[in-house]
Amino acid sequence: MSDKFETKEGTFSLIKVDPEFKKKENSPDFFGEAKFKGMDIRLSAWARFTDSGKIRIAGYIEEKQINDYQKPTESQLNDHLMTPAMKSVHSAPQSSYPGPHEAPEDDLPF
């Protein structure tokens, strides 16, 4: 059995944030994720009281973006393979038309 939790289609999970770990006072009380109609969704929720004293959970949902990332581990931060390679100026495909910093060849007949 895997220790990693997998969100299945049509389900969600929320995790309570301990007050001492909240970044700001108005940060979400819960966070989590859901899967609906094939979309991965991020959830943020706050616990509040109704006028009659009942607990009400209200929240915010947003589609999880492909470029969302999880915080890298210490070993990933120290791994030189995680550092993006610098692109060489010469790695771009060469155009047959002169660019703004290129002089056209001087083969004009006049």
PDB file of N, CA and C in Angstrom:
ATOM      1  N   MET A   1       0.836  -1.171   0.000  1.00  0.00           N
ATOM      2  CA  MET A   1       0.000   0.000   0.000  1.00  0.00           C
ATOM      3  C   MET A   1       0.885   1.240   0.000  1.00  0.00           C
ATOM      4  N   SER A   2       0.537   2.191  -0.833  1.00  0.00           N
ATOM      5  CA  SER A   2       1.320   3.408  -0.962  1.00  0.00           C
ATOM      6  C   SER A   2       0.983   4.393   0.154  1.00  0.00           C
ATOM      7  N   ASP A   3       1.983   5.134   0.622  1.00  0.00           N
ATOM      8  CA  ASP A   3       1.767   6.159   1.637  1.00  0.00           C
ATOM      9  C   ASP A   3       1.232   7.445   1.016  1.00  0.00           C
ATOM     10  N   LYS A   4       1.394   7.607  -0.289  1.00  0.00           N
ATOM     11  CA  LYS A   4       0.953   8.822  -0.966  1.00  0.00           C
ATOM     12  C   LYS A   4      -0.553   8.764  -1.194  1.00  0.00           C
ATOM     13  N   PHE A   5      -1.224   9.841  -0.822  1.00  0.00           N
ATOM     14  CA  PHE A   5      -2.673   9.935  -0.997  1.00  0.00           C
ATOM     15  C   PHE A   5      -2.971  10.359  -2.420  1.00  0.00           C
ATOM     16  N   GLU A   6      -3.888   9.680  -3.068  1.00  0.00           N
ATOM     17  CA  GLU A   6      -4.284  10.025  -4.429  1.00  0.00           C
ATOM     18  C   GLU A   6      -5.736  10.481  -4.402  1.00  0.00           C
ATOM     19  N   THR A   7      -5.969  11.684  -4.943  1.00  0.00           N
ATOM     20  CA  THR A   7      -7.326  12.191  -5.030  1.00  0.00           C
ATOM     21  C   THR A   7      -7.996  11.556  -6.231  1.00  0.00           C
ATOM     22  N   LYS A   8      -9.103  10.883  -5.987  1.00  0.00           N
ATOM     23  CA  LYS A   8      -9.831  10.209  -7.065  1.00  0.00           C
ATOM     24  C   LYS A   8     -10.894  11.130  -7.623  1.00  0.00           C
ATOM     25  N   GLU A   9     -11.346  10.831  -8.821  1.00  0.00           N
ATOM     26  CA  GLU A   9     -12.366  11.619  -9.502  1.00  0.00           C
ATOM     27  C   GLU A   9     -13.591  11.807  -8.611  1.00  0.00           C
ATOM     28  N   GLY A  10     -14.039  13.060  -8.501  1.00  0.00           N
ATOM     29  CA  GLY A  10     -15.237  13.368  -7.728  1.00  0.00           C
ATOM     30  C   GLY A  10     -15.019  13.447  -6.229  1.00  0.00           C
ATOM     31  N   THR A  11     -13.755  13.486  -5.783  1.00  0.00           N
ATOM     32  CA  THR A  11     -13.480  13.541  -4.347  1.00  0.00           C
ATOM     33  C   THR A  11     -12.604  14.751  -4.017  1.00  0.00           C
ATOM     34  N   PHE A  12     -12.523  15.070  -2.738  1.00  0.00           N
ATOM     35  CA  PHE A  12     -11.635  16.132  -2.280  1.00  0.00           C
ATOM     36  C   PHE A  12     -11.109  15.770  -0.903  1.00  0.00           C
ATOM     37  N   SER A  13     -10.056  16.447  -0.504  1.00  0.00           N
ATOM     38  CA  SER A  13      -9.536  16.288   0.856  1.00  0.00           C
ATOM     39  C   SER A  13      -9.088  17.653   1.348  1.00  0.00           C
ATOM     40  N   LEU A  14      -9.307  17.900   2.626  1.00  0.00           N
ATOM     41  CA  LEU A  14      -8.894  19.135   3.270  1.00  0.00           C
ATOM     42  C   LEU A  14      -8.011  18.806   4.457  1.00  0.00           C
ATOM     43  N   ILE A  15      -7.030  19.637   4.683  1.00  0.00           N
ATOM     44  CA  ILE A  15      -6.133  19.478   5.826  1.00  0.00           C
ATOM     45  C   ILE A  15      -6.233  20.744   6.664  1.00  0.00           C
ATOM     46  N   LYS A  16      -6.407  20.580   7.979  1.00  0.00           N
ATOM     47  CA  LYS A  16      -6.492  21.727   8.885  1.00  0.00           C
ATOM     48  C   LYS A  16      -5.101  22.295   9.093  1.00  0.00           C
ATOM     49  N   VAL A  17      -5.012  23.621   9.006  1.00  0.00           N
ATOM     50  CA  VAL A  17      -3.750  24.317   9.243  1.00  0.00           C
ATOM     51  C   VAL A  17      -3.693  24.698  10.714  1.00  0.00           C
ATOM     52  N   ASP A  18      -2.651  24.258  11.406  1.00  0.00           N
ATOM     53  CA  ASP A  18      -2.482  24.638  12.808  1.00  0.00           C
ATOM     54  C   ASP A  18      -2.252  26.144  12.884  1.00  0.00           C
ATOM     55  N   PRO A  19      -2.910  26.825  13.813  1.00  0.00           N
ATOM     56  CA  PRO A  19      -2.807  28.292  13.888  1.00  0.00           C
ATOM     57  C   PRO A  19      -1.362  28.802  13.952  1.00  0.00           C
ATOM     58  N   GLU A  20      -0.477  28.077  14.599  1.00  0.00           N
ATOM     59  CA  GLU A  20       0.910  28.554  14.711  1.00  0.00           C
ATOM     60  C   GLU A  20       1.673  28.473  13.384  1.00  0.00           C
ATOM     61  N   PHE A  21       1.135  27.745  12.400  1.00  0.00           N
ATOM     62  CA  PHE A  21       1.787  27.627  11.102  1.00  0.00           C
ATOM     63  C   PHE A  21       1.178  28.538  10.038  1.00  0.00           C
ATOM     64  N   LYS A  22       0.158  29.311  10.395  1.00  0.00           N
ATOM     65  CA  LYS A  22      -0.446  30.232   9.439  1.00  0.00           C
ATOM     66  C   LYS A  22       0.509  31.390   9.183  1.00  0.00           C
ATOM     67  N   LYS A  23       0.657  31.745   7.909  1.00  0.00           N
ATOM     68  CA  LYS A  23       1.547  32.849   7.548  1.00  0.00           C
ATOM     69  C   LYS A  23       0.993  34.189   8.002  1.00  0.00           C
ATOM     70  N   LYS A  24      -0.329  34.357   7.855  1.00  0.00           N
ATOM     71  CA  LYS A  24      -1.010  35.583   8.279  1.00  0.00           C
ATOM     72  C   LYS A  24      -2.272  35.193   9.031  1.00  0.00           C
ATOM     73  N   GLU A  25      -2.826  36.119   9.761  1.00  0.00           N
ATOM     74  CA  GLU A  25      -4.038  35.832  10.531  1.00  0.00           C
ATOM     75  C   GLU A  25      -5.209  35.441   9.632  1.00  0.00           C
ATOM     76  N   ASN A  26      -5.272  36.030   8.427  1.00  0.00           N
ATOM     77  CA  ASN A  26      -6.383  35.728   7.525  1.00  0.00           C
ATOM     78  C   ASN A  26      -6.060  34.621   6.517  1.00  0.00           C
ATOM     79  N   SER A  27      -4.976  33.888   6.719  1.00  0.00           N
ATOM     80  CA  SER A  27      -4.660  32.739   5.870  1.00  0.00           C
ATOM     81  C   SER A  27      -5.719  31.657   6.061  1.00  0.00           C
ATOM     82  N   PRO A  28      -5.895  30.767   5.081  1.00  0.00           N
ATOM     83  CA  PRO A  28      -6.937  29.733   5.194  1.00  0.00           C
ATOM     84  C   PRO A  28      -6.757  28.842   6.423  1.00  0.00           C
ATOM     85  N   ASP A  29      -7.897  28.407   6.970  1.00  0.00           N
ATOM     86  CA  ASP A  29      -7.886  27.457   8.086  1.00  0.00           C
ATOM     87  C   ASP A  29      -7.691  26.032   7.580  1.00  0.00           C
ATOM     88  N   PHE A  30      -8.056  25.802   6.320  1.00  0.00           N
ATOM     89  CA  PHE A  30      -7.923  24.492   5.685  1.00  0.00           C
ATOM     90  C   PHE A  30      -7.373  24.692   4.278  1.00  0.00           C
ATOM     91  N   PHE A  31      -6.668  23.705   3.779  1.00  0.00           N
ATOM     92  CA  PHE A  31      -6.265  23.693   2.385  1.00  0.00           C
ATOM     93  C   PHE A  31      -6.382  22.269   1.886  1.00  0.00           C
ATOM     94  N   GLY A  32      -6.473  22.124   0.583  1.00  0.00           N
ATOM     95  CA  GLY A  32      -6.586  20.776   0.054  1.00  0.00           C
ATOM     96  C   GLY A  32      -6.678  20.763  -1.446  1.00  0.00           C
ATOM     97  N   GLU A  33      -7.132  19.638  -1.946  1.00  0.00           N
ATOM     98  CA  GLU A  33      -7.262  19.471  -3.388  1.00  0.00           C
ATOM     99  C   GLU A  33      -8.450  18.592  -3.703  1.00  0.00           C
ATOM    100  N   ALA A  34      -8.906  18.715  -4.938  1.00  0.00           N
ATOM    101  CA  ALA A  34     -10.044  17.939  -5.418  1.00  0.00           C
ATOM    102  C   ALA A  34      -9.790  17.558  -6.859  1.00  0.00           C
ATOM    103  N   LYS A  35     -10.588  16.614  -7.327  1.00  0.00           N
ATOM    104  CA  LYS A  35     -10.549  16.235  -8.734  1.00  0.00           C
ATOM    105  C   LYS A  35     -11.997  16.163  -9.194  1.00  0.00           C
ATOM    106  N   PHE A  36     -12.305  16.932 -10.269  1.00  0.00           N
ATOM    107  CA  PHE A  36     -13.671  16.960 -10.774  1.00  0.00           C
ATOM    108  C   PHE A  36     -13.632  17.123 -12.286  1.00  0.00           C
ATOM    109  N   LYS A  37     -14.308  16.194 -12.973  1.00  0.00           N
ATOM    110  CA  LYS A  37     -14.349  16.175 -14.439  1.00  0.00           C
ATOM    111  C   LYS A  37     -12.953  16.248 -15.047  1.00  0.00           C
ATOM    112  N   GLY A  38     -12.040  15.521 -14.440  1.00  0.00           N
ATOM    113  CA  GLY A  38     -10.672  15.426 -14.949  1.00  0.00           C
ATOM    114  C   GLY A  38      -9.765  16.584 -14.563  1.00  0.00           C
ATOM    115  N   MET A  39     -10.295  17.621 -13.915  1.00  0.00           N
ATOM    116  CA  MET A  39      -9.483  18.770 -13.517  1.00  0.00           C
ATOM    117  C   MET A  39      -8.964  18.584 -12.100  1.00  0.00           C
ATOM    118  N   ASP A  40      -7.717  18.960 -11.903  1.00  0.00           N
ATOM    119  CA  ASP A  40      -7.161  19.011 -10.562  1.00  0.00           C
ATOM    120  C   ASP A  40      -7.441  20.404 -10.012  1.00  0.00           C
ATOM    121  N   ILE A  41      -7.972  20.468  -8.802  1.00  0.00           N
ATOM    122  CA  ILE A  41      -8.431  21.721  -8.215  1.00  0.00           C
ATOM    123  C   ILE A  41      -7.771  21.924  -6.861  1.00  0.00           C
ATOM    124  N   ARG A  42      -7.359  23.163  -6.592  1.00  0.00           N
ATOM    125  CA  ARG A  42      -6.837  23.528  -5.274  1.00  0.00           C
ATOM    126  C   ARG A  42      -7.959  24.147  -4.458  1.00  0.00           C
ATOM    127  N   LEU A  43      -7.987  23.846  -3.168  1.00  0.00           N
ATOM    128  CA  LEU A  43      -9.030  24.352  -2.269  1.00  0.00           C
ATOM    129  C   LEU A  43      -8.395  25.128  -1.116  1.00  0.00           C
ATOM    130  N   SER A  44      -9.030  26.220  -0.736  1.00  0.00           N
ATOM    131  CA  SER A  44      -8.673  26.977   0.459  1.00  0.00           C
ATOM    132  C   SER A  44      -9.986  27.239   1.186  1.00  0.00           C
ATOM    133  N   ALA A  45     -10.005  27.072   2.505  1.00  0.00           N
ATOM    134  CA  ALA A  45     -11.264  27.220   3.235  1.00  0.00           C
ATOM    135  C   ALA A  45     -11.038  27.862   4.596  1.00  0.00           C
ATOM    136  N   TRP A  46     -12.079  28.561   5.042  1.00  0.00           N
ATOM    137  CA  TRP A  46     -12.059  29.238   6.325  1.00  0.00           C
ATOM    138  C   TRP A  46     -13.256  28.789   7.151  1.00  0.00           C
ATOM    139  N   ALA A  47     -13.045  28.577   8.447  1.00  0.00           N
ATOM    140  CA  ALA A  47     -14.127  28.210   9.361  1.00  0.00           C
ATOM    141  C   ALA A  47     -14.672  29.483   9.997  1.00  0.00           C
ATOM    142  N   ARG A  48     -15.980  29.657   9.917  1.00  0.00           N
ATOM    143  CA  ARG A  48     -16.649  30.825  10.481  1.00  0.00           C
ATOM    144  C   ARG A  48     -17.906  30.356  11.221  1.00  0.00           C
ATOM    145  N   PHE A  49     -18.504  31.256  11.954  1.00  0.00           N
ATOM    146  CA  PHE A  49     -19.749  30.943  12.652  1.00  0.00           C
ATOM    147  C   PHE A  49     -20.898  31.700  11.996  1.00  0.00           C
ATOM    148  N   THR A  50     -22.038  31.041  11.882  1.00  0.00           N
ATOM    149  CA  THR A  50     -23.244  31.703  11.391  1.00  0.00           C
ATOM    150  C   THR A  50     -23.824  32.539  12.521  1.00  0.00           C
ATOM    151  N   ASP A  51     -24.825  33.332  12.213  1.00  0.00           N
ATOM    152  CA  ASP A  51     -25.484  34.150  13.242  1.00  0.00           C
ATOM    153  C   ASP A  51     -26.094  33.290  14.341  1.00  0.00           C
ATOM    154  N   SER A  52     -26.499  32.057  13.983  1.00  0.00           N
ATOM    155  CA  SER A  52     -27.097  31.164  14.988  1.00  0.00           C
ATOM    156  C   SER A  52     -26.047  30.342  15.737  1.00  0.00           C
ATOM    157  N   GLY A  53     -24.760  30.569  15.439  1.00  0.00           N
ATOM    158  CA  GLY A  53     -23.692  29.894  16.174  1.00  0.00           C
ATOM    159  C   GLY A  53     -23.210  28.589  15.575  1.00  0.00           C
ATOM    160  N   LYS A  54     -23.728  28.207  14.421  1.00  0.00           N
ATOM    161  CA  LYS A  54     -23.270  26.976  13.766  1.00  0.00           C
ATOM    162  C   LYS A  54     -21.989  27.252  12.983  1.00  0.00           C
ATOM    163  N   ILE A  55     -21.163  26.227  12.878  1.00  0.00           N
ATOM    164  CA  ILE A  55     -19.923  26.365  12.115  1.00  0.00           C
ATOM    165  C   ILE A  55     -20.237  26.297  10.625  1.00  0.00           C
ATOM    166  N   ARG A  56     -19.655  27.221   9.888  1.00  0.00           N
ATOM    167  CA  ARG A  56     -19.819  27.251   8.435  1.00  0.00           C
ATOM    168  C   ARG A  56     -18.420  27.260   7.819  1.00  0.00           C
ATOM    169  N   ILE A  57     -18.195  26.374   6.871  1.00  0.00           N
ATOM    170  CA  ILE A  57     -16.931  26.335   6.140  1.00  0.00           C
ATOM    171  C   ILE A  57     -17.180  26.967   4.773  1.00  0.00           C
ATOM    172  N   ALA A  58     -16.457  28.024   4.479  1.00  0.00           N
ATOM    173  CA  ALA A  58     -16.560  28.693   3.181  1.00  0.00           C
ATOM    174  C   ALA A  58     -15.167  28.696   2.565  1.00  0.00           C
ATOM    175  N   GLY A  59     -15.109  28.693   1.249  1.00  0.00           N
ATOM    176  CA  GLY A  59     -13.795  28.608   0.655  1.00  0.00           C
ATOM    177  C   GLY A  59     -13.677  29.140  -0.739  1.00  0.00           C
ATOM    178  N   TYR A  60     -12.534  28.875  -1.290  1.00  0.00           N
ATOM    179  CA  TYR A  60     -12.150  29.340  -2.605  1.00  0.00           C
ATOM    180  C   TYR A  60     -11.608  28.141  -3.369  1.00  0.00           C
ATOM    181  N   ILE A  61     -11.989  28.020  -4.631  1.00  0.00           N
ATOM    182  CA  ILE A  61     -11.473  26.941  -5.463  1.00  0.00           C
ATOM    183  C   ILE A  61     -10.814  27.544  -6.693  1.00  0.00           C
ATOM    184  N   GLU A  62      -9.786  26.888  -7.180  1.00  0.00           N
ATOM    185  CA  GLU A  62      -9.142  27.311  -8.417  1.00  0.00           C
ATOM    186  C   GLU A  62      -8.521  26.098  -9.092  1.00  0.00           C
ATOM    187  N   GLU A  63      -8.497  26.150 -10.410  1.00  0.00           N
ATOM    188  CA  GLU A  63      -7.894  25.054 -11.163  1.00  0.00           C
ATOM    189  C   GLU A  63      -6.403  25.040 -10.906  1.00  0.00           C
ATOM    190  N   LYS A  64      -5.891  23.868 -10.631  1.00  0.00           N
ATOM    191  CA  LYS A  64      -4.468  23.708 -10.406  1.00  0.00           C
ATOM    192  C   LYS A  64      -3.759  23.881 -11.741  1.00  0.00           C
ATOM    193  N   GLN A  65      -2.769  24.731 -11.791  1.00  0.00           N
ATOM    194  CA  GLN A  65      -2.040  24.987 -13.026  1.00  0.00           C
ATOM    195  C   GLN A  65      -0.906  23.980 -13.177  1.00  0.00           C
ATOM    196  N   ILE A  66      -0.552  23.715 -14.421  1.00  0.00           N
ATOM    197  CA  ILE A  66       0.531  22.775 -14.698  1.00  0.00           C
ATOM    198  C   ILE A  66       1.838  23.261 -14.094  1.00  0.00           C
ATOM    199  N   ASN A  67       2.045  24.577 -14.099  1.00  0.00           N
ATOM    200  CA  ASN A  67       3.304  25.093 -13.582  1.00  0.00           C
ATOM    201  C   ASN A  67       3.317  25.234 -12.063  1.00  0.00           C
ATOM    202  N   ASP A  68       2.220  24.865 -11.384  1.00  0.00           N
ATOM    203  CA  ASP A  68       2.248  24.853  -9.926  1.00  0.00           C
ATOM    204  C   ASP A  68       3.303  23.843  -9.490  1.00  0.00           C
ATOM    205  N   TYR A  69       4.060  24.173  -8.501  1.00  0.00           N
ATOM    206  CA  TYR A  69       5.089  23.255  -8.054  1.00  0.00           C
ATOM    207  C   TYR A  69       4.990  23.078  -6.557  1.00  0.00           C
ATOM    208  N   GLN A  70       5.555  21.984  -6.137  1.00  0.00           N
ATOM    209  CA  GLN A  70       5.663  21.753  -4.705  1.00  0.00           C
ATOM    210  C   GLN A  70       7.034  22.222  -4.265  1.00  0.00           C
ATOM    211  N   LYS A  71       7.123  22.666  -3.043  1.00  0.00           N
ATOM    212  CA  LYS A  71       8.387  23.162  -2.516  1.00  0.00           C
ATOM    213  C   LYS A  71       9.446  22.067  -2.647  1.00  0.00           C
ATOM    214  N   PRO A  72      10.603  22.382  -3.255  1.00  0.00           N
ATOM    215  CA  PRO A  72      11.633  21.355  -3.423  1.00  0.00           C
ATOM    216  C   PRO A  72      12.235  20.950  -2.077  1.00  0.00           C
ATOM    217  N   THR A  73      12.714  19.720  -2.023  1.00  0.00           N
ATOM    218  CA  THR A  73      13.373  19.231  -0.813  1.00  0.00           C
ATOM    219  C   THR A  73      14.771  19.837  -0.727  1.00  0.00           C
ATOM    220  N   GLU A  74      15.390  19.723   0.430  1.00  0.00           N
ATOM    221  CA  GLU A  74      16.742  20.248   0.632  1.00  0.00           C
ATOM    222  C   GLU A  74      17.726  19.625  -0.355  1.00  0.00           C
ATOM    223  N   SER A  75      17.612  18.315  -0.586  1.00  0.00           N
ATOM    224  CA  SER A  75      18.540  17.664  -1.522  1.00  0.00           C
ATOM    225  C   SER A  75      18.308  18.148  -2.951  1.00  0.00           C
ATOM    226  N   GLN A  76      17.047  18.448  -3.321  1.00  0.00           N
ATOM    227  CA  GLN A  76      16.783  18.977  -4.655  1.00  0.00           C
ATOM    228  C   GLN A  76      17.376  20.370  -4.815  1.00  0.00           C
ATOM    229  N   LEU A  77      17.310  21.174  -3.753  1.00  0.00           N
ATOM    230  CA  LEU A  77      17.883  22.506  -3.831  1.00  0.00           C
ATOM    231  C   LEU A  77      19.399  22.446  -4.015  1.00  0.00           C
ATOM    232  N   ASN A  78      20.025  21.442  -3.435  1.00  0.00           N
ATOM    233  CA  ASN A  78      21.470  21.317  -3.525  1.00  0.00           C
ATOM    234  C   ASN A  78      21.931  20.507  -4.734  1.00  0.00           C
ATOM    235  N   ASP A  79      21.014  19.984  -5.474  1.00  0.00           N
ATOM    236  CA  ASP A  79      21.337  19.154  -6.634  1.00  0.00           C
ATOM    237  C   ASP A  79      21.546  20.033  -7.852  1.00  0.00           C
ATOM    238  N   HIS A  80      22.730  19.973  -8.425  1.00  0.00           N
ATOM    239  CA  HIS A  80      23.022  20.819  -9.580  1.00  0.00           C
ATOM    240  C   HIS A  80      22.160  20.468 -10.787  1.00  0.00           C
ATOM    241  N   LEU A  81      21.555  19.294 -10.796  1.00  0.00           N
ATOM    242  CA  LEU A  81      20.706  18.915 -11.914  1.00  0.00           C
ATOM    243  C   LEU A  81      19.384  19.674 -11.895  1.00  0.00           C
ATOM    244  N   MET A  82      18.995  20.210 -10.736  1.00  0.00           N
ATOM    245  CA  MET A  82      17.758  20.982 -10.635  1.00  0.00           C
ATOM    246  C   MET A  82      17.945  22.411 -11.147  1.00  0.00           C
ATOM    247  N   THR A  83      19.208  22.855 -11.308  1.00  0.00           N
ATOM    248  CA  THR A  83      19.476  24.210 -11.770  1.00  0.00           C
ATOM    249  C   THR A  83      19.255  24.279 -13.265  1.00  0.00           C
ATOM    250  N   PRO A  84      18.418  25.194 -13.737  1.00  0.00           N
ATOM    251  CA  PRO A  84      18.194  25.271 -15.177  1.00  0.00           C
ATOM    252  C   PRO A  84      19.464  25.664 -15.907  1.00  0.00           C
ATOM    253  N   ALA A  85      19.668  25.076 -17.052  1.00  0.00           N
ATOM    254  CA  ALA A  85      20.848  25.370 -17.855  1.00  0.00           C
ATOM    255  C   ALA A  85      20.680  26.725 -18.527  1.00  0.00           C
ATOM    256  N   MET A  86      21.765  27.439 -18.659  1.00  0.00           N
ATOM    257  CA  MET A  86      21.746  28.710 -19.371  1.00  0.00           C
ATOM    258  C   MET A  86      21.673  28.417 -20.857  1.00  0.00           C
ATOM    259  N   LYS A  87      20.830  29.140 -21.558  1.00  0.00           N
ATOM    260  CA  LYS A  87      20.737  28.967 -23.000  1.00  0.00           C
ATOM    261  C   LYS A  87      21.841  29.773 -23.653  1.00  0.00           C
ATOM    262  N   SER A  88      22.460  29.182 -24.611  1.00  0.00           N
ATOM    263  CA  SER A  88      23.491  29.866 -25.363  1.00  0.00           C
ATOM    264  C   SER A  88      22.840  30.832 -26.336  1.00  0.00           C
ATOM    265  N   VAL A  89      23.485  31.942 -26.560  1.00  0.00           N
ATOM    266  CA  VAL A  89      22.985  32.909 -27.526  1.00  0.00           C
ATOM    267  C   VAL A  89      22.933  32.277 -28.904  1.00  0.00           C
ATOM    268  N   HIS A  90      23.842  31.342 -29.164  1.00  0.00           N
ATOM    269  CA  HIS A  90      23.929  30.711 -30.471  1.00  0.00           C
ATOM    270  C   HIS A  90      23.019  29.501 -30.611  1.00  0.00           C
ATOM    271  N   SER A  91      22.246  29.188 -29.561  1.00  0.00           N
ATOM    272  CA  SER A  91      21.389  28.011 -29.634  1.00  0.00           C
ATOM    273  C   SER A  91      20.079  28.285 -30.365  1.00  0.00           C
ATOM    274  N   ALA A  92      19.750  29.560 -30.574  1.00  0.00           N
ATOM    275  CA  ALA A  92      18.514  29.895 -31.286  1.00  0.00           C
ATOM    276  C   ALA A  92      18.685  29.575 -32.765  1.00  0.00           C
ATOM    277  N   PRO A  93      17.624  29.158 -33.426  1.00  0.00           N
ATOM    278  CA  PRO A  93      17.743  28.864 -34.844  1.00  0.00           C
ATOM    279  C   PRO A  93      18.113  30.124 -35.618  1.00  0.00           C
ATOM    280  N   GLN A  94      18.995  29.961 -36.566  1.00  0.00           N
ATOM    281  CA  GLN A  94      19.452  31.083 -37.367  1.00  0.00           C
ATOM    282  C   GLN A  94      18.423  31.417 -38.431  1.00  0.00           C
ATOM    283  N   SER A  95      18.140  32.684 -38.572  1.00  0.00           N
ATOM    284  CA  SER A  95      17.187  33.146 -39.559  1.00  0.00           C
ATOM    285  C   SER A  95      17.923  33.551 -40.826  1.00  0.00           C
ATOM    286  N   SER A  96      17.251  33.453 -41.966  1.00  0.00           N
ATOM    287  CA  SER A  96      17.872  33.893 -43.206  1.00  0.00           C
ATOM    288  C   SER A  96      17.745  35.405 -43.371  1.00  0.00           C
ATOM    289  N   TYR A  97      16.981  36.060 -42.496  1.00  0.00           N
ATOM    290  CA  TYR A  97      16.825  37.507 -42.546  1.00  0.00           C
ATOM    291  C   TYR A  97      17.661  38.129 -41.445  1.00  0.00           C
ATOM    292  N   PRO A  98      18.308  39.250 -41.742  1.00  0.00           N
ATOM    293  CA  PRO A  98      19.117  39.885 -40.692  1.00  0.00           C
ATOM    294  C   PRO A  98      18.228  40.415 -39.583  1.00  0.00           C
ATOM    295  N   GLY A  99      18.666  40.261 -38.345  1.00  0.00           N
ATOM    296  CA  GLY A  99      17.939  40.776 -37.199  1.00  0.00           C
ATOM    297  C   GLY A  99      18.359  42.197 -36.904  1.00  0.00           C
ATOM    298  N   PRO A 100      17.875  42.772 -35.824  1.00  0.00           N
ATOM    299  CA  PRO A 100      18.185  44.166 -35.521  1.00  0.00           C
ATOM    300  C   PRO A 100      19.652  44.409 -35.199  1.00  0.00           C
ATOM    301  N   HIS A 101      20.368  43.374 -34.776  1.00  0.00           N
ATOM    302  CA  HIS A 101      21.769  43.547 -34.412  1.00  0.00           C
ATOM    303  C   HIS A 101      22.703  42.935 -35.455  1.00  0.00           C
ATOM    304  N   GLU A 102      22.155  42.539 -36.563  1.00  0.00           N
ATOM    305  CA  GLU A 102      22.972  41.936 -37.612  1.00  0.00           C
ATOM    306  C   GLU A 102      22.982  42.867 -38.812  1.00  0.00           C
ATOM    307  N   ALA A 103      24.124  43.027 -39.409  1.00  0.00           N
ATOM    308  CA  ALA A 103      24.214  43.837 -40.628  1.00  0.00           C
ATOM    309  C   ALA A 103      23.953  42.930 -41.820  1.00  0.00           C
ATOM    310  N   PRO A 104      23.187  43.403 -42.796  1.00  0.00           N
ATOM    311  CA  PRO A 104      22.970  42.579 -43.982  1.00  0.00           C
ATOM    312  C   PRO A 104      24.265  42.452 -44.769  1.00  0.00           C
ATOM    313  N   GLU A 105      24.374  41.354 -45.470  1.00  0.00           N
ATOM    314  CA  GLU A 105      25.568  41.172 -46.288  1.00  0.00           C
ATOM    315  C   GLU A 105      25.607  42.241 -47.360  1.00  0.00           C
ATOM    316  N   ASP A 106      26.797  42.776 -47.601  1.00  0.00           N
ATOM    317  CA  ASP A 106      26.950  43.868 -48.565  1.00  0.00           C
ATOM    318  C   ASP A 106      27.284  43.315 -49.934  1.00  0.00           C
ATOM    319  N   ASP A 107      26.274  42.736 -50.600  1.00  0.00           N
ATOM    320  CA  ASP A 107      26.503  42.230 -51.957  1.00  0.00           C
ATOM    321  C   ASP A 107      25.621  42.951 -52.949  1.00  0.00           C
ATOM    322  N   LEU A 108      25.271  44.182 -52.629  1.00  0.00           N
ATOM    323  CA  LEU A 108      24.464  44.982 -53.540  1.00  0.00           C
ATOM    324  C   LEU A 108      25.308  45.439 -54.728  1.00  0.00           C
ATOM    325  N   PRO A 109      24.765  45.502 -55.927  1.00  0.00           N
ATOM    326  CA  PRO A 109      25.555  45.860 -57.106  1.00  0.00           C
ATOM    327  C   PRO A 109      25.901  47.342 -57.210  1.00  0.00           C
ATOM    328  N   PHE A 110      25.434  48.192 -56.380  1.00  0.00           N
ATOM    329  CA  PHE A 110      25.760  49.611 -56.483  1.00  0.00           C
ATOM    330  C   PHE A 110      26.410  50.143 -55.251  1.00  0.00           C
TER     331      PHE A 110
END
